[in-house]
Amino acid sequence: MPQGDKTACIVKKVYEDLQTNYMDLQYLKDRAILTPTNDVVDSINDYIVSLIPEQAKEYLSCDK
């Protein structure tokens, strides 16, 4: 199974109705996908962001 299919499958299972509930903080707090590496986290995050019907926003921070 290609990596993209695995990502789609797990996101669909964990975040059922994501497109309806992506603004519901409790819905998001109640779910998590644990991964062994940050590379996998980045891949899953990119996929989830692509599913959200609004334009993505990037917030930057700076530590002193």
Protein backbone atom coordinates (compact mmCIF):
# COMPACT_ATOMS: atom_id res chain seq x y z
CA MET A 1 0.00 0.00 0.00
CA PRO A 2 1.50 3.39 -0.96
CA GLN A 3 2.33 5.77 1.90
CA GLY A 4 -0.33 8.28 0.81
CA ASP A 5 -3.03 5.63 1.05
CA LYS A 6 -1.93 4.74 4.58
CA THR A 7 -2.04 8.38 5.61
CA ALA A 8 -5.48 8.89 4.11
CA CYS A 9 -6.77 5.75 5.79
CA ILE A 10 -5.59 6.65 9.28
CA VAL A 11 -6.70 10.28 9.01
CA LYS A 12 -10.13 9.19 7.81
CA LYS A 13 -10.45 6.78 10.75
CA VAL A 14 -9.21 9.17 13.46
CA TYR A 15 -10.76 12.36 12.09
CA GLU A 16 -14.14 11.23 10.80
CA ASP A 17 -16.11 14.24 9.55
CA LEU A 18 -13.02 16.46 9.67
CA GLN A 19 -14.37 18.84 7.06
CA THR A 20 -17.45 19.41 9.22
CA ASN A 21 -15.68 19.63 12.58
CA TYR A 22 -12.29 21.20 11.87
CA MET A 23 -13.31 24.38 13.73
CA ASP A 24 -14.55 22.47 16.81
CA LEU A 25 -11.76 22.64 19.39
CA GLN A 26 -13.15 19.81 21.51
CA TYR A 27 -13.36 17.56 18.45
CA LEU A 28 -9.69 18.25 17.72
CA LYS A 29 -8.60 17.89 21.36
CA ASP A 30 -10.22 14.47 21.58
CA ARG A 31 -8.13 13.02 18.74
CA ALA A 32 -4.46 12.35 18.08
CA ILE A 33 -2.24 10.40 15.74
CA LEU A 34 1.04 9.27 17.26
CA THR A 35 4.00 8.73 14.96
CA PRO A 36 7.57 7.54 15.44
CA THR A 37 9.28 10.39 13.56
CA ASN A 38 8.81 14.06 12.78
CA ASP A 39 8.94 13.26 9.06
CA VAL A 40 5.75 11.24 9.41
CA VAL A 41 4.18 14.03 11.48
CA ASP A 42 4.95 16.53 8.73
CA SER A 43 3.47 14.25 6.09
CA ILE A 44 0.26 13.71 8.05
CA ASN A 45 -0.05 17.40 8.92
CA ASP A 46 0.36 18.38 5.27
CA TYR A 47 -2.33 15.90 4.29
CA ILE A 48 -4.77 17.09 6.96
CA VAL A 49 -4.23 20.74 6.04
CA SER A 50 -5.00 19.87 2.42
CA LEU A 51 -8.40 18.55 3.52
CA ILE A 52 -9.48 21.72 5.33
CA PRO A 53 -11.62 23.88 3.05
CA GLU A 54 -10.16 27.21 4.19
CA GLN A 55 -6.89 28.79 3.17
CA ALA A 56 -4.01 27.82 5.45
CA LYS A 57 -2.38 30.43 7.67
CA GLU A 58 1.16 30.25 8.97
CA TYR A 59 2.05 31.83 12.29
CA LEU A 60 5.69 32.42 13.05
CA SER A 61 7.30 32.76 16.45
CA CYS A 62 10.70 33.67 17.75
CA ASP A 63 12.39 32.42 20.89
CA LYS A 64 14.98 34.63 22.52
